[in-house]
């Protein structure tokens, strides 16, 4: 982490020293998350669902994901692809997922399964 960083704080630095893994969420939803990746060098980067949704139909989204995966690799972060909601996004993009694995962790968004207490 850079010493003159917008993201630099005593509390954040202390958490990192104590072994807390930092994650950046919703990467791809705005420009500030890119700055945060560079400045904080997080342990995890979660790619926003807006990039993943419909990725099987969009070369641009596939290219964005590859670029973000390369960026996160350069800071030694694990990448989480959130919002895989259709078989098409998972299946049609299989070549892309295979090429990026193990750098990308897949996180599907499925309907909640009720617990026994909720079904009563």
PDB file of N, CA and C in Angstrom:
ATOM      1  N   UNK A   1       0.844  -1.171   0.000  1.00  0.00           N
ATOM      2  CA  UNK A   1       0.000   0.000   0.000  1.00  0.00           C
ATOM      3  C   UNK A   1       0.889   1.234   0.000  1.00  0.00           C
ATOM      4  N   UNK A   2       0.550   2.199  -0.808  1.00  0.00           N
ATOM      5  CA  UNK A   2       1.333   3.425  -0.896  1.00  0.00           C
ATOM      6  C   UNK A   2       1.126   4.287   0.340  1.00  0.00           C
ATOM      7  N   UNK A   3       2.175   4.968   0.753  1.00  0.00           N
ATOM      8  CA  UNK A   3       2.080   5.761   1.979  1.00  0.00           C
ATOM      9  C   UNK A   3       1.269   7.038   1.800  1.00  0.00           C
ATOM     10  N   UNK A   4       1.219   7.607   0.605  1.00  0.00           N
ATOM     11  CA  UNK A   4       0.462   8.840   0.371  1.00  0.00           C
ATOM     12  C   UNK A   4      -0.889   8.555  -0.269  1.00  0.00           C
ATOM     13  N   UNK A   5      -1.447   7.435   0.012  1.00  0.00           N
ATOM     14  CA  UNK A   5      -2.657   6.971  -0.635  1.00  0.00           C
ATOM     15  C   UNK A   5      -3.919   7.571  -0.043  1.00  0.00           C
ATOM     16  N   UNK A   6      -4.888   7.788  -0.936  1.00  0.00           N
ATOM     17  CA  UNK A   6      -6.221   8.189  -0.499  1.00  0.00           C
ATOM     18  C   UNK A   6      -6.799   7.127   0.437  1.00  0.00           C
ATOM     19  N   UNK A   7      -6.427   5.873   0.216  1.00  0.00           N
ATOM     20  CA  UNK A   7      -6.968   4.766   0.987  1.00  0.00           C
ATOM     21  C   UNK A   7      -6.119   4.432   2.211  1.00  0.00           C
ATOM     22  N   UNK A   8      -5.036   5.135   2.394  1.00  0.00           N
ATOM     23  CA  UNK A   8      -4.143   4.859   3.507  1.00  0.00           C
ATOM     24  C   UNK A   8      -4.739   5.399   4.802  1.00  0.00           C
ATOM     25  N   UNK A   9      -4.832   4.551   5.773  1.00  0.00           N
ATOM     26  CA  UNK A   9      -5.286   4.970   7.093  1.00  0.00           C
ATOM     27  C   UNK A   9      -4.620   4.075   8.126  1.00  0.00           C
ATOM     28  N   UNK A  10      -4.486   4.595   9.321  1.00  0.00           N
ATOM     29  CA  UNK A  10      -3.867   3.798  10.389  1.00  0.00           C
ATOM     30  C   UNK A  10      -4.680   2.540  10.649  1.00  0.00           C
ATOM     31  N   UNK A  11      -5.995   2.668  10.659  1.00  0.00           N
ATOM     32  CA  UNK A  11      -6.852   1.513  10.941  1.00  0.00           C
ATOM     33  C   UNK A  11      -6.703   0.440   9.859  1.00  0.00           C
ATOM     34  N   UNK A  12      -6.755   0.839   8.600  1.00  0.00           N
ATOM     35  CA  UNK A  12      -6.628  -0.123   7.505  1.00  0.00           C
ATOM     36  C   UNK A  12      -5.266  -0.795   7.541  1.00  0.00           C
ATOM     37  N   UNK A  13      -4.224  -0.010   7.734  1.00  0.00           N
ATOM     38  CA  UNK A  13      -2.877  -0.579   7.826  1.00  0.00           C
ATOM     39  C   UNK A  13      -2.766  -1.566   8.984  1.00  0.00           C
ATOM     40  N   UNK A  14      -3.385  -1.248  10.111  1.00  0.00           N
ATOM     41  CA  UNK A  14      -3.340  -2.147  11.273  1.00  0.00           C
ATOM     42  C   UNK A  14      -4.054  -3.458  10.975  1.00  0.00           C
ATOM     43  N   UNK A  15      -5.221  -3.370  10.335  1.00  0.00           N
ATOM     44  CA  UNK A  15      -5.945  -4.595   9.977  1.00  0.00           C
ATOM     45  C   UNK A  15      -5.102  -5.476   9.067  1.00  0.00           C
ATOM     46  N   UNK A  16      -4.464  -4.866   8.074  1.00  0.00           N
ATOM     47  CA  UNK A  16      -3.632  -5.628   7.143  1.00  0.00           C
ATOM     48  C   UNK A  16      -2.470  -6.277   7.878  1.00  0.00           C
ATOM     49  N   UNK A  17      -1.826  -5.534   8.787  1.00  0.00           N
ATOM     50  CA  UNK A  17      -0.712  -6.085   9.573  1.00  0.00           C
ATOM     51  C   UNK A  17      -1.154  -7.282  10.401  1.00  0.00           C
ATOM     52  N   UNK A  18      -2.408  -7.247  10.873  1.00  0.00           N
ATOM     53  CA  UNK A  18      -2.937  -8.331  11.697  1.00  0.00           C
ATOM     54  C   UNK A  18      -3.445  -9.511  10.867  1.00  0.00           C
ATOM     55  N   UNK A  19      -3.303  -9.424   9.540  1.00  0.00           N
ATOM     56  CA  UNK A  19      -3.666 -10.544   8.690  1.00  0.00           C
ATOM     57  C   UNK A  19      -5.077 -10.527   8.144  1.00  0.00           C
ATOM     58  N   UNK A  20      -5.790  -9.415   8.296  1.00  0.00           N
ATOM     59  CA  UNK A  20      -7.143  -9.315   7.750  1.00  0.00           C
ATOM     60  C   UNK A  20      -7.042  -9.212   6.232  1.00  0.00           C
ATOM     61  N   UNK A  21      -7.808 -10.026   5.527  1.00  0.00           N
ATOM     62  CA  UNK A  21      -7.841  -9.971   4.070  1.00  0.00           C
ATOM     63  C   UNK A  21      -8.829  -8.898   3.634  1.00  0.00           C
ATOM     64  N   UNK A  22      -8.364  -8.014   2.789  1.00  0.00           N
ATOM     65  CA  UNK A  22      -9.200  -6.922   2.286  1.00  0.00           C
ATOM     66  C   UNK A  22      -9.785  -7.340   0.939  1.00  0.00           C
ATOM     67  N   UNK A  23     -11.058  -7.022   0.725  1.00  0.00           N
ATOM     68  CA  UNK A  23     -11.731  -7.305  -0.546  1.00  0.00           C
ATOM     69  C   UNK A  23     -12.290  -6.005  -1.110  1.00  0.00           C
ATOM     70  N   UNK A  24     -12.222  -5.889  -2.428  1.00  0.00           N
ATOM     71  CA  UNK A  24     -12.847  -4.764  -3.127  1.00  0.00           C
ATOM     72  C   UNK A  24     -14.070  -5.340  -3.826  1.00  0.00           C
ATOM     73  N   UNK A  25     -15.230  -4.774  -3.564  1.00  0.00           N
ATOM     74  CA  UNK A  25     -16.497  -5.270  -4.111  1.00  0.00           C
ATOM     75  C   UNK A  25     -16.939  -4.407  -5.284  1.00  0.00           C
ATOM     76  N   UNK A  26     -17.753  -4.984  -6.153  1.00  0.00           N
ATOM     77  CA  UNK A  26     -18.394  -4.280  -7.261  1.00  0.00           C
ATOM     78  C   UNK A  26     -17.404  -3.665  -8.244  1.00  0.00           C
ATOM     79  N   UNK A  27     -16.291  -4.345  -8.483  1.00  0.00           N
ATOM     80  CA  UNK A  27     -15.318  -3.851  -9.452  1.00  0.00           C
ATOM     81  C   UNK A  27     -15.934  -3.931 -10.841  1.00  0.00           C
ATOM     82  N   UNK A  28     -15.833  -2.846 -11.549  1.00  0.00           N
ATOM     83  CA  UNK A  28     -16.441  -2.746 -12.869  1.00  0.00           C
ATOM     84  C   UNK A  28     -17.675  -1.879 -12.862  1.00  0.00           C
ATOM     85  N   UNK A  29     -18.156  -1.550 -11.676  1.00  0.00           N
ATOM     86  CA  UNK A  29     -19.344  -0.704 -11.567  1.00  0.00           C
ATOM     87  C   UNK A  29     -18.969   0.780 -11.546  1.00  0.00           C
ATOM     88  N   UNK A  30     -17.696   1.096 -11.386  1.00  0.00           N
ATOM     89  CA  UNK A  30     -17.252   2.486 -11.344  1.00  0.00           C
ATOM     90  C   UNK A  30     -15.748   2.575 -11.376  1.00  0.00           C
ATOM     91  N   UNK A  31     -15.234   3.743 -11.631  1.00  0.00           N
ATOM     92  CA  UNK A  31     -13.789   3.901 -11.789  1.00  0.00           C
ATOM     93  C   UNK A  31     -13.028   3.823 -10.471  1.00  0.00           C
ATOM     94  N   UNK A  32     -13.652   4.172  -9.356  1.00  0.00           N
ATOM     95  CA  UNK A  32     -12.922   4.239  -8.089  1.00  0.00           C
ATOM     96  C   UNK A  32     -12.430   2.879  -7.628  1.00  0.00           C
ATOM     97  N   UNK A  33     -13.094   1.798  -8.027  1.00  0.00           N
ATOM     98  CA  UNK A  33     -12.641   0.477  -7.616  1.00  0.00           C
ATOM     99  C   UNK A  33     -11.298   0.130  -8.248  1.00  0.00           C
ATOM    100  N   UNK A  34     -11.019   0.644  -9.441  1.00  0.00           N
ATOM    101  CA  UNK A  34      -9.717   0.397 -10.059  1.00  0.00           C
ATOM    102  C   UNK A  34      -8.615   1.071  -9.255  1.00  0.00           C
ATOM    103  N   UNK A  35      -8.883   2.279  -8.813  1.00  0.00           N
ATOM    104  CA  UNK A  35      -7.917   2.985  -7.975  1.00  0.00           C
ATOM    105  C   UNK A  35      -7.698   2.222  -6.673  1.00  0.00           C
ATOM    106  N   UNK A  36      -8.775   1.711  -6.099  1.00  0.00           N
ATOM    107  CA  UNK A  36      -8.669   0.960  -4.843  1.00  0.00           C
ATOM    108  C   UNK A  36      -7.817  -0.294  -5.022  1.00  0.00           C
ATOM    109  N   UNK A  37      -7.953  -0.993  -6.159  1.00  0.00           N
ATOM    110  CA  UNK A  37      -7.140  -2.188  -6.412  1.00  0.00           C
ATOM    111  C   UNK A  37      -5.661  -1.821  -6.420  1.00  0.00           C
ATOM    112  N   UNK A  38      -5.335  -0.753  -7.107  1.00  0.00           N
ATOM    113  CA  UNK A  38      -3.942  -0.327  -7.218  1.00  0.00           C
ATOM    114  C   UNK A  38      -3.401   0.135  -5.870  1.00  0.00           C
ATOM    115  N   UNK A  39      -4.190   0.906  -5.136  1.00  0.00           N
ATOM    116  CA  UNK A  39      -3.726   1.500  -3.890  1.00  0.00           C
ATOM    117  C   UNK A  39      -3.689   0.515  -2.728  1.00  0.00           C
ATOM    118  N   UNK A  40      -4.720  -0.299  -2.604  1.00  0.00           N
ATOM    119  CA  UNK A  40      -4.846  -1.186  -1.445  1.00  0.00           C
ATOM    120  C   UNK A  40      -4.170  -2.536  -1.679  1.00  0.00           C
ATOM    121  N   UNK A  41      -4.118  -2.982  -2.935  1.00  0.00           N
ATOM    122  CA  UNK A  41      -3.639  -4.320  -3.250  1.00  0.00           C
ATOM    123  C   UNK A  41      -4.362  -5.359  -2.391  1.00  0.00           C
ATOM    124  N   UNK A  42      -5.676  -5.502  -2.620  1.00  0.00           N
ATOM    125  CA  UNK A  42      -6.506  -6.374  -1.783  1.00  0.00           C
ATOM    126  C   UNK A  42      -6.209  -7.859  -1.996  1.00  0.00           C
ATOM    127  N   UNK A  43      -6.711  -8.684  -1.090  1.00  0.00           N
ATOM    128  CA  UNK A  43      -6.586 -10.135  -1.217  1.00  0.00           C
ATOM    129  C   UNK A  43      -7.625 -10.681  -2.194  1.00  0.00           C
ATOM    130  N   UNK A  44      -8.787 -10.018  -2.267  1.00  0.00           N
ATOM    131  CA  UNK A  44      -9.879 -10.457  -3.128  1.00  0.00           C
ATOM    132  C   UNK A  44     -10.450  -9.275  -3.892  1.00  0.00           C
ATOM    133  N   UNK A  45     -10.826  -9.537  -5.140  1.00  0.00           N
ATOM    134  CA  UNK A  45     -11.506  -8.552  -5.966  1.00  0.00           C
ATOM    135  C   UNK A  45     -12.763  -9.220  -6.498  1.00  0.00           C
ATOM    136  N   UNK A  46     -13.918  -8.623  -6.196  1.00  0.00           N
ATOM    137  CA  UNK A  46     -15.191  -9.174  -6.649  1.00  0.00           C
ATOM    138  C   UNK A  46     -15.667  -8.383  -7.860  1.00  0.00           C
ATOM    139  N   UNK A  47     -15.759  -9.071  -8.999  1.00  0.00           N
ATOM    140  CA  UNK A  47     -16.209  -8.443 -10.235  1.00  0.00           C
ATOM    141  C   UNK A  47     -17.719  -8.260 -10.152  1.00  0.00           C
ATOM    142  N   UNK A  48     -18.173  -7.049 -10.447  1.00  0.00           N
ATOM    143  CA  UNK A  48     -19.590  -6.729 -10.356  1.00  0.00           C
ATOM    144  C   UNK A  48     -20.426  -7.611 -11.290  1.00  0.00           C
ATOM    145  N   UNK A  49     -21.606  -7.958 -10.831  1.00  0.00           N
ATOM    146  CA  UNK A  49     -22.506  -8.813 -11.602  1.00  0.00           C
ATOM    147  C   UNK A  49     -22.875  -8.200 -12.950  1.00  0.00           C
ATOM    148  N   UNK A  50     -22.827  -6.880 -13.067  1.00  0.00           N
ATOM    149  CA  UNK A  50     -23.160  -6.244 -14.347  1.00  0.00           C
ATOM    150  C   UNK A  50     -22.168  -6.623 -15.447  1.00  0.00           C
ATOM    151  N   UNK A  51     -20.946  -6.964 -15.075  1.00  0.00           N
ATOM    152  CA  UNK A  51     -19.964  -7.427 -16.054  1.00  0.00           C
ATOM    153  C   UNK A  51     -20.225  -8.888 -16.412  1.00  0.00           C
ATOM    154  N   UNK A  52     -20.650  -9.672 -15.438  1.00  0.00           N
ATOM    155  CA  UNK A  52     -20.841 -11.112 -15.634  1.00  0.00           C
ATOM    156  C   UNK A  52     -22.159 -11.420 -16.342  1.00  0.00           C
ATOM    157  N   UNK A  53     -23.202 -10.678 -15.985  1.00  0.00           N
ATOM    158  CA  UNK A  53     -24.524 -10.925 -16.561  1.00  0.00           C
ATOM    159  C   UNK A  53     -24.473 -10.737 -18.079  1.00  0.00           C
ATOM    160  N   UNK A  54     -24.802 -11.779 -18.829  1.00  0.00           N
ATOM    161  CA  UNK A  54     -24.812 -11.702 -20.291  1.00  0.00           C
ATOM    162  C   UNK A  54     -23.430 -11.811 -20.919  1.00  0.00           C
ATOM    163  N   UNK A  55     -22.448 -12.249 -20.147  1.00  0.00           N
ATOM    164  CA  UNK A  55     -21.076 -12.309 -20.660  1.00  0.00           C
ATOM    165  C   UNK A  55     -20.955 -13.265 -21.843  1.00  0.00           C
ATOM    166  N   UNK A  56     -21.822 -14.256 -21.894  1.00  0.00           N
ATOM    167  CA  UNK A  56     -21.766 -15.217 -23.000  1.00  0.00           C
ATOM    168  C   UNK A  56     -22.112 -14.571 -24.334  1.00  0.00           C
ATOM    169  N   UNK A  57     -22.742 -13.404 -24.301  1.00  0.00           N
ATOM    170  CA  UNK A  57     -23.160 -12.724 -25.525  1.00  0.00           C
ATOM    171  C   UNK A  57     -22.330 -11.488 -25.844  1.00  0.00           C
ATOM    172  N   UNK A  58     -21.356 -11.173 -25.017  1.00  0.00           N
ATOM    173  CA  UNK A  58     -20.654  -9.901 -25.170  1.00  0.00           C
ATOM    174  C   UNK A  58     -19.141 -10.071 -25.170  1.00  0.00           C
ATOM    175  N   UNK A  59     -18.541  -9.853 -26.318  1.00  0.00           N
ATOM    176  CA  UNK A  59     -17.077  -9.886 -26.421  1.00  0.00           C
ATOM    177  C   UNK A  59     -16.463  -8.785 -25.567  1.00  0.00           C
ATOM    178  N   UNK A  60     -17.121  -7.645 -25.481  1.00  0.00           N
ATOM    179  CA  UNK A  60     -16.608  -6.537 -24.669  1.00  0.00           C
ATOM    180  C   UNK A  60     -16.539  -6.947 -23.199  1.00  0.00           C
ATOM    181  N   UNK A  61     -17.607  -7.575 -22.678  1.00  0.00           N
ATOM    182  CA  UNK A  61     -17.599  -8.023 -21.279  1.00  0.00           C
ATOM    183  C   UNK A  61     -16.527  -9.084 -21.057  1.00  0.00           C
ATOM    184  N   UNK A  62     -16.341  -9.985 -22.008  1.00  0.00           N
ATOM    185  CA  UNK A  62     -15.303 -10.997 -21.890  1.00  0.00           C
ATOM    186  C   UNK A  62     -13.926 -10.346 -21.829  1.00  0.00           C
ATOM    187  N   UNK A  63     -13.709  -9.339 -22.674  1.00  0.00           N
ATOM    188  CA  UNK A  63     -12.429  -8.626 -22.674  1.00  0.00           C
ATOM    189  C   UNK A  63     -12.214  -7.867 -21.366  1.00  0.00           C
ATOM    190  N   UNK A  64     -13.282  -7.257 -20.851  1.00  0.00           N
ATOM    191  CA  UNK A  64     -13.183  -6.544 -19.568  1.00  0.00           C
ATOM    192  C   UNK A  64     -12.804  -7.516 -18.456  1.00  0.00           C
ATOM    193  N   UNK A  65     -13.451  -8.673 -18.421  1.00  0.00           N
ATOM    194  CA  UNK A  65     -13.151  -9.666 -17.394  1.00  0.00           C
ATOM    195  C   UNK A  65     -11.701 -10.128 -17.494  1.00  0.00           C
ATOM    196  N   UNK A  66     -11.224 -10.386 -18.704  1.00  0.00           N
ATOM    197  CA  UNK A  66      -9.830 -10.804 -18.873  1.00  0.00           C
ATOM    198  C   UNK A  66      -8.875  -9.718 -18.387  1.00  0.00           C
ATOM    199  N   UNK A  67      -9.184  -8.470 -18.686  1.00  0.00           N
ATOM    200  CA  UNK A  67      -8.339  -7.357 -18.263  1.00  0.00           C
ATOM    201  C   UNK A  67      -8.327  -7.221 -16.746  1.00  0.00           C
ATOM    202  N   UNK A  68      -9.513  -7.306 -16.136  1.00  0.00           N
ATOM    203  CA  UNK A  68      -9.587  -7.214 -14.675  1.00  0.00           C
ATOM    204  C   UNK A  68      -8.871  -8.389 -14.019  1.00  0.00           C
ATOM    205  N   UNK A  69      -8.972  -9.574 -14.609  1.00  0.00           N
ATOM    206  CA  UNK A  69      -8.277 -10.746 -14.061  1.00  0.00           C
ATOM    207  C   UNK A  69      -6.762 -10.547 -14.124  1.00  0.00           C
ATOM    208  N   UNK A  70      -6.283  -9.957 -15.204  1.00  0.00           N
ATOM    209  CA  UNK A  70      -4.843  -9.680 -15.318  1.00  0.00           C
ATOM    210  C   UNK A  70      -4.402  -8.651 -14.277  1.00  0.00           C
ATOM    211  N   UNK A  71      -5.230  -7.627 -14.068  1.00  0.00           N
ATOM    212  CA  UNK A  71      -4.911  -6.601 -13.072  1.00  0.00           C
ATOM    213  C   UNK A  71      -4.855  -7.213 -11.670  1.00  0.00           C
ATOM    214  N   UNK A  72      -5.846  -8.017 -11.337  1.00  0.00           N
ATOM    215  CA  UNK A  72      -5.868  -8.602 -10.001  1.00  0.00           C
ATOM    216  C   UNK A  72      -4.720  -9.588  -9.818  1.00  0.00           C
ATOM    217  N   UNK A  73      -4.336 -10.264 -10.889  1.00  0.00           N
ATOM    218  CA  UNK A  73      -3.183 -11.169 -10.800  1.00  0.00           C
ATOM    219  C   UNK A  73      -1.922 -10.374 -10.480  1.00  0.00           C
ATOM    220  N   UNK A  74      -1.800  -9.182 -11.061  1.00  0.00           N
ATOM    221  CA  UNK A  74      -0.591  -8.384 -10.843  1.00  0.00           C
ATOM    222  C   UNK A  74      -0.451  -7.907  -9.398  1.00  0.00           C
ATOM    223  N   UNK A  75      -1.566  -7.806  -8.671  1.00  0.00           N
ATOM    224  CA  UNK A  75      -1.499  -7.432  -7.253  1.00  0.00           C
ATOM    225  C   UNK A  75      -1.680  -8.664  -6.358  1.00  0.00           C
ATOM    226  N   UNK A  76      -1.643  -9.846  -6.990  1.00  0.00           N
ATOM    227  CA  UNK A  76      -1.728 -11.134  -6.285  1.00  0.00           C
ATOM    228  C   UNK A  76      -3.041 -11.315  -5.534  1.00  0.00           C
ATOM    229  N   UNK A  77      -4.122 -10.793  -6.115  1.00  0.00           N
ATOM    230  CA  UNK A  77      -5.449 -10.950  -5.515  1.00  0.00           C
ATOM    231  C   UNK A  77      -6.184 -12.097  -6.198  1.00  0.00           C
ATOM    232  N   UNK A  78      -7.090 -12.706  -5.466  1.00  0.00           N
ATOM    233  CA  UNK A  78      -7.996 -13.687  -6.054  1.00  0.00           C
ATOM    234  C   UNK A  78      -9.200 -12.918  -6.594  1.00  0.00           C
ATOM    235  N   UNK A  79      -9.713 -13.389  -7.711  1.00  0.00           N
ATOM    236  CA  UNK A  79     -10.842 -12.722  -8.352  1.00  0.00           C
ATOM    237  C   UNK A  79     -12.095 -13.552  -8.148  1.00  0.00           C
ATOM    238  N   UNK A  80     -13.168 -12.907  -7.744  1.00  0.00           N
ATOM    239  CA  UNK A  80     -14.460 -13.559  -7.576  1.00  0.00           C
ATOM    240  C   UNK A  80     -15.394 -12.984  -8.629  1.00  0.00           C
ATOM    241  N   UNK A  81     -15.953 -13.850  -9.450  1.00  0.00           N
ATOM    242  CA  UNK A  81     -16.936 -13.431 -10.444  1.00  0.00           C
ATOM    243  C   UNK A  81     -18.310 -13.663  -9.837  1.00  0.00           C
ATOM    244  N   UNK A  82     -18.995 -12.572  -9.488  1.00  0.00           N
ATOM    245  CA  UNK A  82     -20.305 -12.731  -8.848  1.00  0.00           C
ATOM    246  C   UNK A  82     -21.426 -12.497  -9.845  1.00  0.00           C
ATOM    247  N   UNK A  83     -22.563 -13.095  -9.567  1.00  0.00           N
ATOM    248  CA  UNK A  83     -23.739 -12.854 -10.379  1.00  0.00           C
ATOM    249  C   UNK A  83     -23.920 -13.805 -11.538  1.00  0.00           C
ATOM    250  N   UNK A  84     -23.337 -14.991 -11.469  1.00  0.00           N
ATOM    251  CA  UNK A  84     -23.586 -15.978 -12.523  1.00  0.00           C
ATOM    252  C   UNK A  84     -24.975 -16.537 -12.259  1.00  0.00           C
ATOM    253  N   UNK A  85     -25.915 -16.114 -13.073  1.00  0.00           N
ATOM    254  CA  UNK A  85     -27.321 -16.434 -12.807  1.00  0.00           C
ATOM    255  C   UNK A  85     -27.940 -17.358 -13.838  1.00  0.00           C
ATOM    256  N   UNK A  86     -27.259 -17.566 -14.957  1.00  0.00           N
ATOM    257  CA  UNK A  86     -27.833 -18.423 -15.992  1.00  0.00           C
ATOM    258  C   UNK A  86     -26.834 -19.485 -16.411  1.00  0.00           C
ATOM    259  N   UNK A  87     -27.375 -20.578 -16.931  1.00  0.00           N
ATOM    260  CA  UNK A  87     -26.521 -21.634 -17.462  1.00  0.00           C
ATOM    261  C   UNK A  87     -25.728 -21.110 -18.654  1.00  0.00           C
ATOM    262  N   UNK A  88     -26.321 -20.192 -19.405  1.00  0.00           N
ATOM    263  CA  UNK A  88     -25.635 -19.647 -20.573  1.00  0.00           C
ATOM    264  C   UNK A  88     -24.378 -18.884 -20.180  1.00  0.00           C
ATOM    265  N   UNK A  89     -24.483 -18.058 -19.123  1.00  0.00           N
ATOM    266  CA  UNK A  89     -23.312 -17.304 -18.685  1.00  0.00           C
ATOM    267  C   UNK A  89     -22.217 -18.227 -18.191  1.00  0.00           C
ATOM    268  N   UNK A  90     -22.588 -19.318 -17.555  1.00  0.00           N
ATOM    269  CA  UNK A  90     -21.598 -20.281 -17.092  1.00  0.00           C
ATOM    270  C   UNK A  90     -21.146 -21.179 -18.238  1.00  0.00           C
ATOM    271  N   UNK A  91     -22.114 -21.750 -18.959  1.00  0.00           N
ATOM    272  CA  UNK A  91     -21.810 -22.741 -19.987  1.00  0.00           C
ATOM    273  C   UNK A  91     -21.207 -22.172 -21.256  1.00  0.00           C
ATOM    274  N   UNK A  92     -21.821 -21.150 -21.812  1.00  0.00           N
ATOM    275  CA  UNK A  92     -21.325 -20.585 -23.065  1.00  0.00           C
ATOM    276  C   UNK A  92     -19.976 -19.912 -22.877  1.00  0.00           C
ATOM    277  N   UNK A  93     -19.710 -19.465 -21.672  1.00  0.00           N
ATOM    278  CA  UNK A  93     -18.423 -18.837 -21.400  1.00  0.00           C
ATOM    279  C   UNK A  93     -17.407 -19.817 -20.850  1.00  0.00           C
ATOM    280  N   UNK A  94     -17.672 -21.124 -21.016  1.00  0.00           N
ATOM    281  CA  UNK A  94     -16.819 -22.138 -20.408  1.00  0.00           C
ATOM    282  C   UNK A  94     -15.351 -22.001 -20.823  1.00  0.00           C
ATOM    283  N   UNK A  95     -15.102 -21.702 -22.092  1.00  0.00           N
ATOM    284  CA  UNK A  95     -13.717 -21.536 -22.535  1.00  0.00           C
ATOM    285  C   UNK A  95     -13.050 -20.388 -21.783  1.00  0.00           C
ATOM    286  N   UNK A  96     -13.800 -19.309 -21.606  1.00  0.00           N
ATOM    287  CA  UNK A  96     -13.255 -18.155 -20.877  1.00  0.00           C
ATOM    288  C   UNK A  96     -12.975 -18.528 -19.430  1.00  0.00           C
ATOM    289  N   UNK A  97     -13.933 -19.190 -18.759  1.00  0.00           N
ATOM    290  CA  UNK A  97     -13.736 -19.576 -17.358  1.00  0.00           C
ATOM    291  C   UNK A  97     -12.538 -20.513 -17.232  1.00  0.00           C
ATOM    292  N   UNK A  98     -12.429 -21.489 -18.149  1.00  0.00           N
ATOM    293  CA  UNK A  98     -11.311 -22.437 -18.085  1.00  0.00           C
ATOM    294  C   UNK A  98      -9.972 -21.737 -18.277  1.00  0.00           C
ATOM    295  N   UNK A  99      -9.928 -20.757 -19.172  1.00  0.00           N
ATOM    296  CA  UNK A  99      -8.687 -20.038 -19.434  1.00  0.00           C
ATOM    297  C   UNK A  99      -8.262 -19.194 -18.231  1.00  0.00           C
ATOM    298  N   UNK A 100      -9.229 -18.656 -17.511  1.00  0.00           N
ATOM    299  CA  UNK A 100      -8.929 -17.777 -16.384  1.00  0.00           C
ATOM    300  C   UNK A 100      -8.766 -18.520 -15.069  1.00  0.00           C
ATOM    301  N   UNK A 101      -9.293 -19.732 -14.977  1.00  0.00           N
ATOM    302  CA  UNK A 101      -9.165 -20.504 -13.760  1.00  0.00           C
ATOM    303  C   UNK A 101      -7.713 -20.865 -13.555  1.00  0.00           C
ATOM    304  N   UNK A 102      -7.101 -20.943 -12.394  1.00  0.00           N
ATOM    305  CA  UNK A 102      -7.715 -20.821 -11.081  1.00  0.00           C
ATOM    306  C   UNK A 102      -7.750 -19.395 -10.548  1.00  0.00           C
ATOM    307  N   UNK A 103      -7.498 -18.421 -11.412  1.00  0.00           N
ATOM    308  CA  UNK A 103      -7.480 -17.041 -10.931  1.00  0.00           C
ATOM    309  C   UNK A 103      -8.872 -16.533 -10.605  1.00  0.00           C
ATOM    310  N   UNK A 104      -9.917 -17.137 -11.174  1.00  0.00           N
ATOM    311  CA  UNK A 104     -11.275 -16.654 -10.971  1.00  0.00           C
ATOM    312  C   UNK A 104     -12.055 -17.659 -10.143  1.00  0.00           C
ATOM    313  N   UNK A 105     -12.648 -17.178  -9.075  1.00  0.00           N
ATOM    314  CA  UNK A 105     -13.566 -17.991  -8.278  1.00  0.00           C
ATOM    315  C   UNK A 105     -14.964 -17.646  -8.742  1.00  0.00           C
ATOM    316  N   UNK A 106     -15.770 -18.639  -8.996  1.00  0.00           N
ATOM    317  CA  UNK A 106     -17.124 -18.390  -9.472  1.00  0.00           C
ATOM    318  C   UNK A 106     -18.080 -18.344  -8.299  1.00  0.00           C
ATOM    319  N   UNK A 107     -18.928 -17.336  -8.279  1.00  0.00           N
ATOM    320  CA  UNK A 107     -19.926 -17.212  -7.215  1.00  0.00           C
ATOM    321  C   UNK A 107     -21.279 -17.052  -7.876  1.00  0.00           C
ATOM    322  N   UNK A 108     -22.060 -18.101  -7.824  1.00  0.00           N
ATOM    323  CA  UNK A 108     -23.383 -18.073  -8.446  1.00  0.00           C
ATOM    324  C   UNK A 108     -24.378 -17.377  -7.537  1.00  0.00           C
ATOM    325  N   UNK A 109     -25.354 -16.751  -8.153  1.00  0.00           N
ATOM    326  CA  UNK A 109     -26.451 -16.142  -7.412  1.00  0.00           C
ATOM    327  C   UNK A 109     -27.670 -17.032  -7.627  1.00  0.00           C
ATOM    328  N   UNK A 110     -28.033 -17.760  -6.611  1.00  0.00           N
ATOM    329  CA  UNK A 110     -29.162 -18.681  -6.706  1.00  0.00           C
ATOM    330  C   UNK A 110     -30.256 -18.221  -5.749  1.00  0.00           C
ATOM    331  N   UNK A 111     -31.507 -18.611  -6.020  1.00  0.00           N
ATOM    332  CA  UNK A 111     -32.562 -18.286  -5.059  1.00  0.00           C
ATOM    333  C   UNK A 111     -32.263 -18.919  -3.709  1.00  0.00           C
ATOM    334  N   UNK A 112     -32.611 -18.223  -2.661  1.00  0.00           N
ATOM    335  CA  UNK A 112     -32.352 -18.727  -1.311  1.00  0.00           C
ATOM    336  C   UNK A 112     -33.178 -19.997  -1.055  1.00  0.00           C
ATOM    337  N   UNK A 113     -32.544 -20.953  -0.425  1.00  0.00           N
ATOM    338  CA  UNK A 113     -33.245 -22.181  -0.033  1.00  0.00           C
ATOM    339  C   UNK A 113     -33.702 -21.979   1.403  1.00  0.00           C
ATOM    340  N   UNK A 114     -35.010 -22.096   1.641  1.00  0.00           N
ATOM    341  CA  UNK A 114     -35.484 -21.844   3.001  1.00  0.00           C
ATOM    342  C   UNK A 114     -34.959 -22.867   4.008  1.00  0.00           C
ATOM    343  N   UNK A 115     -34.624 -22.380   5.165  1.00  0.00           N
ATOM    344  CA  UNK A 115     -34.218 -23.277   6.243  1.00  0.00           C
ATOM    345  C   UNK A 115     -35.473 -23.909   6.825  1.00  0.00           C
ATOM    346  N   UNK A 116     -35.351 -25.000   7.613  1.00  0.00           N
ATOM    347  CA  UNK A 116     -36.543 -25.633   8.190  1.00  0.00           C
ATOM    348  C   UNK A 116     -37.390 -24.638   9.001  1.00  0.00           C
ATOM    349  N   UNK A 117     -36.752 -23.688   9.691  1.00  0.00           N
ATOM    350  CA  UNK A 117     -37.509 -22.721  10.480  1.00  0.00           C
ATOM    351  C   UNK A 117     -38.308 -21.781   9.570  1.00  0.00           C
ATOM    352  N   UNK A 118     -37.759 -21.434   8.406  1.00  0.00           N
ATOM    353  CA  UNK A 118     -38.442 -20.523   7.493  1.00  0.00           C
ATOM    354  C   UNK A 118     -39.610 -21.192   6.795  1.00  0.00           C
ATOM    355  N   UNK A 119     -39.564 -22.535   6.605  1.00  0.00           N
ATOM    356  CA  UNK A 119     -40.630 -23.187   5.869  1.00  0.00           C
ATOM    357  C   UNK A 119     -41.856 -23.478   6.729  1.00  0.00           C
ATOM    358  N   UNK A 120     -41.764 -23.246   7.997  1.00  0.00           N
ATOM    359  CA  UNK A 120     -42.921 -23.528   8.861  1.00  0.00           C
ATOM    360  C   UNK A 120     -43.974 -22.486   8.729  1.00  0.00           C
TER     361      UNK A 120
END
